[in-house]
Amino acid sequence: MKEVVSNVATVVRESVHAEATPWIYNVVIDCLGFSREALMYAMNHMTEHKVTSLVFLDMTPDDRDLWLKTFLAKHYYIRSDLISVFYTV
C-alpha cells in the first residue's frame, strides 16, 4: 500500500506544471501607452487564463494594443469617457 501511495505522489508531482506562459510578463509590461497598474491587472488575468495569454503572445502589436484597451474598458478599469479615444483613427 505504501508503494502505491508513493507512486501516486510521484505521478502527481510529475504532472504539476506552471499554467502561466513564462513570457507573458515581459510582453505585457512592454506594451506602451498603459499605466503599469493597468498592465499588471491585465497580466494577472492572463496568468489565470492560459489560452488568453497564448493568443495574446501571437497577436501583432496593434492587436495587443486593441485587446488591452478593450479588456481594460470591459472590466471598468478605464473611464468610460476615455473609451472613445481608443477607437479614433
C-alpha atoms as a PDB file:
ATOM      1  CA  MET A   1       0.000   0.000   0.000  1.00  0.00           C
ATOM      2  CA  LYS A   2       2.830   2.377   0.848  1.00  0.00           C
ATOM      3  CA  GLU A   3       4.346   1.804  -2.585  1.00  0.00           C
ATOM      4  CA  VAL A   4       1.034   2.605  -4.315  1.00  0.00           C
ATOM      5  CA  VAL A   5       0.702   5.888  -2.401  1.00  0.00           C
ATOM      6  CA  SER A   6       4.304   6.732  -3.226  1.00  0.00           C
ATOM      7  CA  ASN A   7       3.668   6.063  -6.924  1.00  0.00           C
ATOM      8  CA  VAL A   8       0.568   8.261  -6.899  1.00  0.00           C
ATOM      9  CA  ALA A   9       2.551  11.063  -5.252  1.00  0.00           C
ATOM     10  CA  THR A  10       5.252  10.726  -7.908  1.00  0.00           C
ATOM     11  CA  VAL A  11       2.718  10.894 -10.751  1.00  0.00           C
ATOM     12  CA  VAL A  12       1.079  13.987  -9.237  1.00  0.00           C
ATOM     13  CA  ARG A  13       4.435  15.692  -8.735  1.00  0.00           C
ATOM     14  CA  GLU A  14       5.486  14.975 -12.320  1.00  0.00           C
ATOM     15  CA  SER A  15       2.207  16.250 -13.748  1.00  0.00           C
ATOM     16  CA  VAL A  16       2.325  19.605 -11.965  1.00  0.00           C
ATOM     17  CA  HIS A  17       3.350  22.371 -14.318  1.00  0.00           C
ATOM     18  CA  ALA A  18       3.123  26.118 -14.478  1.00  0.00           C
ATOM     19  CA  GLU A  19      -0.131  27.267 -16.031  1.00  0.00           C
ATOM     20  CA  ALA A  20       1.133  30.734 -16.805  1.00  0.00           C
ATOM     21  CA  THR A  21       3.014  31.361 -20.010  1.00  0.00           C
ATOM     22  CA  PRO A  22       6.572  32.254 -18.973  1.00  0.00           C
ATOM     23  CA  TRP A  23       6.991  35.102 -21.492  1.00  0.00           C
ATOM     24  CA  ILE A  24       3.722  36.853 -20.792  1.00  0.00           C
ATOM     25  CA  TYR A  25       5.153  39.223 -18.172  1.00  0.00           C
ATOM     26  CA  ASN A  26       7.709  40.835 -20.497  1.00  0.00           C
ATOM     27  CA  VAL A  27       5.309  41.005 -23.436  1.00  0.00           C
ATOM     28  CA  VAL A  28       2.572  42.698 -21.403  1.00  0.00           C
ATOM     29  CA  ILE A  29       4.833  45.058 -19.442  1.00  0.00           C
ATOM     30  CA  ASP A  30       6.498  46.220 -22.688  1.00  0.00           C
ATOM     31  CA  CYS A  31       3.163  47.467 -24.108  1.00  0.00           C
ATOM     32  CA  LEU A  32       3.252  51.245 -24.411  1.00  0.00           C
ATOM     33  CA  GLY A  33       0.507  53.702 -23.532  1.00  0.00           C
ATOM     34  CA  PHE A  34      -0.811  51.988 -20.404  1.00  0.00           C
ATOM     35  CA  SER A  35      -0.041  52.526 -16.741  1.00  0.00           C
ATOM     36  CA  ARG A  36       1.974  49.839 -15.010  1.00  0.00           C
ATOM     37  CA  GLU A  37      -1.033  49.241 -12.766  1.00  0.00           C
ATOM     38  CA  ALA A  38      -3.309  48.601 -15.766  1.00  0.00           C
ATOM     39  CA  LEU A  39      -0.765  46.265 -17.355  1.00  0.00           C
ATOM     40  CA  MET A  40      -0.386  44.309 -14.123  1.00  0.00           C
ATOM     41  CA  TYR A  41      -4.179  43.949 -13.940  1.00  0.00           C
ATOM     42  CA  ALA A  42      -4.278  42.553 -17.484  1.00  0.00           C
ATOM     43  CA  MET A  43      -1.270  40.333 -16.840  1.00  0.00           C
ATOM     44  CA  ASN A  44      -2.920  38.895 -13.743  1.00  0.00           C
ATOM     45  CA  HIS A  45      -5.925  37.954 -15.875  1.00  0.00           C
ATOM     46  CA  MET A  46      -3.666  36.281 -18.423  1.00  0.00           C
ATOM     47  CA  THR A  47      -1.786  34.277 -15.821  1.00  0.00           C
ATOM     48  CA  GLU A  48      -5.142  32.881 -14.697  1.00  0.00           C
ATOM     49  CA  HIS A  49      -6.273  32.181 -18.281  1.00  0.00           C
ATOM     50  CA  LYS A  50      -3.506  30.404 -20.187  1.00  0.00           C
ATOM     51  CA  VAL A  51      -5.345  30.284 -23.522  1.00  0.00           C
ATOM     52  CA  THR A  52      -5.803  34.055 -23.445  1.00  0.00           C
ATOM     53  CA  SER A  53      -2.104  34.580 -22.807  1.00  0.00           C
ATOM     54  CA  LEU A  54      -1.117  32.233 -25.646  1.00  0.00           C
ATOM     55  CA  VAL A  55      -3.371  34.080 -28.078  1.00  0.00           C
ATOM     56  CA  PHE A  56      -2.045  37.432 -26.800  1.00  0.00           C
ATOM     57  CA  LEU A  57       1.529  36.301 -27.489  1.00  0.00           C
ATOM     58  CA  ASP A  58       0.616  35.505 -31.115  1.00  0.00           C
ATOM     59  CA  MET A  59      -1.045  38.882 -31.727  1.00  0.00           C
ATOM     60  CA  THR A  60       0.530  41.721 -33.642  1.00  0.00           C
ATOM     61  CA  PRO A  61       1.482  44.758 -31.536  1.00  0.00           C
ATOM     62  CA  ASP A  62      -1.570  46.639 -32.871  1.00  0.00           C
ATOM     63  CA  ASP A  63      -3.891  43.776 -31.933  1.00  0.00           C
ATOM     64  CA  ARG A  64      -2.311  43.544 -28.468  1.00  0.00           C
ATOM     65  CA  ASP A  65      -2.977  47.232 -28.017  1.00  0.00           C
ATOM     66  CA  LEU A  66      -6.595  46.803 -29.091  1.00  0.00           C
ATOM     67  CA  TRP A  67      -7.038  43.756 -26.836  1.00  0.00           C
ATOM     68  CA  LEU A  68      -5.667  45.639 -23.818  1.00  0.00           C
ATOM     69  CA  LYS A  69      -7.862  48.673 -24.468  1.00  0.00           C
ATOM     70  CA  THR A  70     -10.951  46.511 -24.895  1.00  0.00           C
ATOM     71  CA  PHE A  71     -10.188  44.294 -21.888  1.00  0.00           C
ATOM     72  CA  LEU A  72      -9.474  47.210 -19.571  1.00  0.00           C
ATOM     73  CA  ALA A  73     -12.583  49.087 -20.720  1.00  0.00           C
ATOM     74  CA  LYS A  74     -14.758  45.990 -20.356  1.00  0.00           C
ATOM     75  CA  HIS A  75     -13.567  45.463 -16.816  1.00  0.00           C
ATOM     76  CA  TYR A  76     -14.181  49.101 -15.893  1.00  0.00           C
ATOM     77  CA  TYR A  77     -10.526  49.820 -15.449  1.00  0.00           C
ATOM     78  CA  ILE A  78     -10.602  52.704 -17.914  1.00  0.00           C
ATOM     79  CA  ARG A  79     -13.096  55.526 -17.501  1.00  0.00           C
ATOM     80  CA  SER A  80     -15.931  55.326 -19.988  1.00  0.00           C
ATOM     81  CA  ASP A  81     -15.314  58.895 -21.212  1.00  0.00           C
ATOM     82  CA  LEU A  82     -11.872  57.803 -22.423  1.00  0.00           C
ATOM     83  CA  ILE A  83     -13.056  54.749 -24.354  1.00  0.00           C
ATOM     84  CA  SER A  84     -13.955  56.750 -27.458  1.00  0.00           C
ATOM     85  CA  VAL A  85     -10.342  57.983 -27.614  1.00  0.00           C
ATOM     86  CA  PHE A  86      -9.178  54.408 -28.151  1.00  0.00           C
ATOM     87  CA  TYR A  87     -11.267  53.870 -31.238  1.00  0.00           C
ATOM     88  CA  THR A  88     -10.458  57.038 -33.137  1.00  0.00           C
ATOM     89  CA  VAL A  89      -8.064  56.871 -36.055  1.00  0.00           C
END
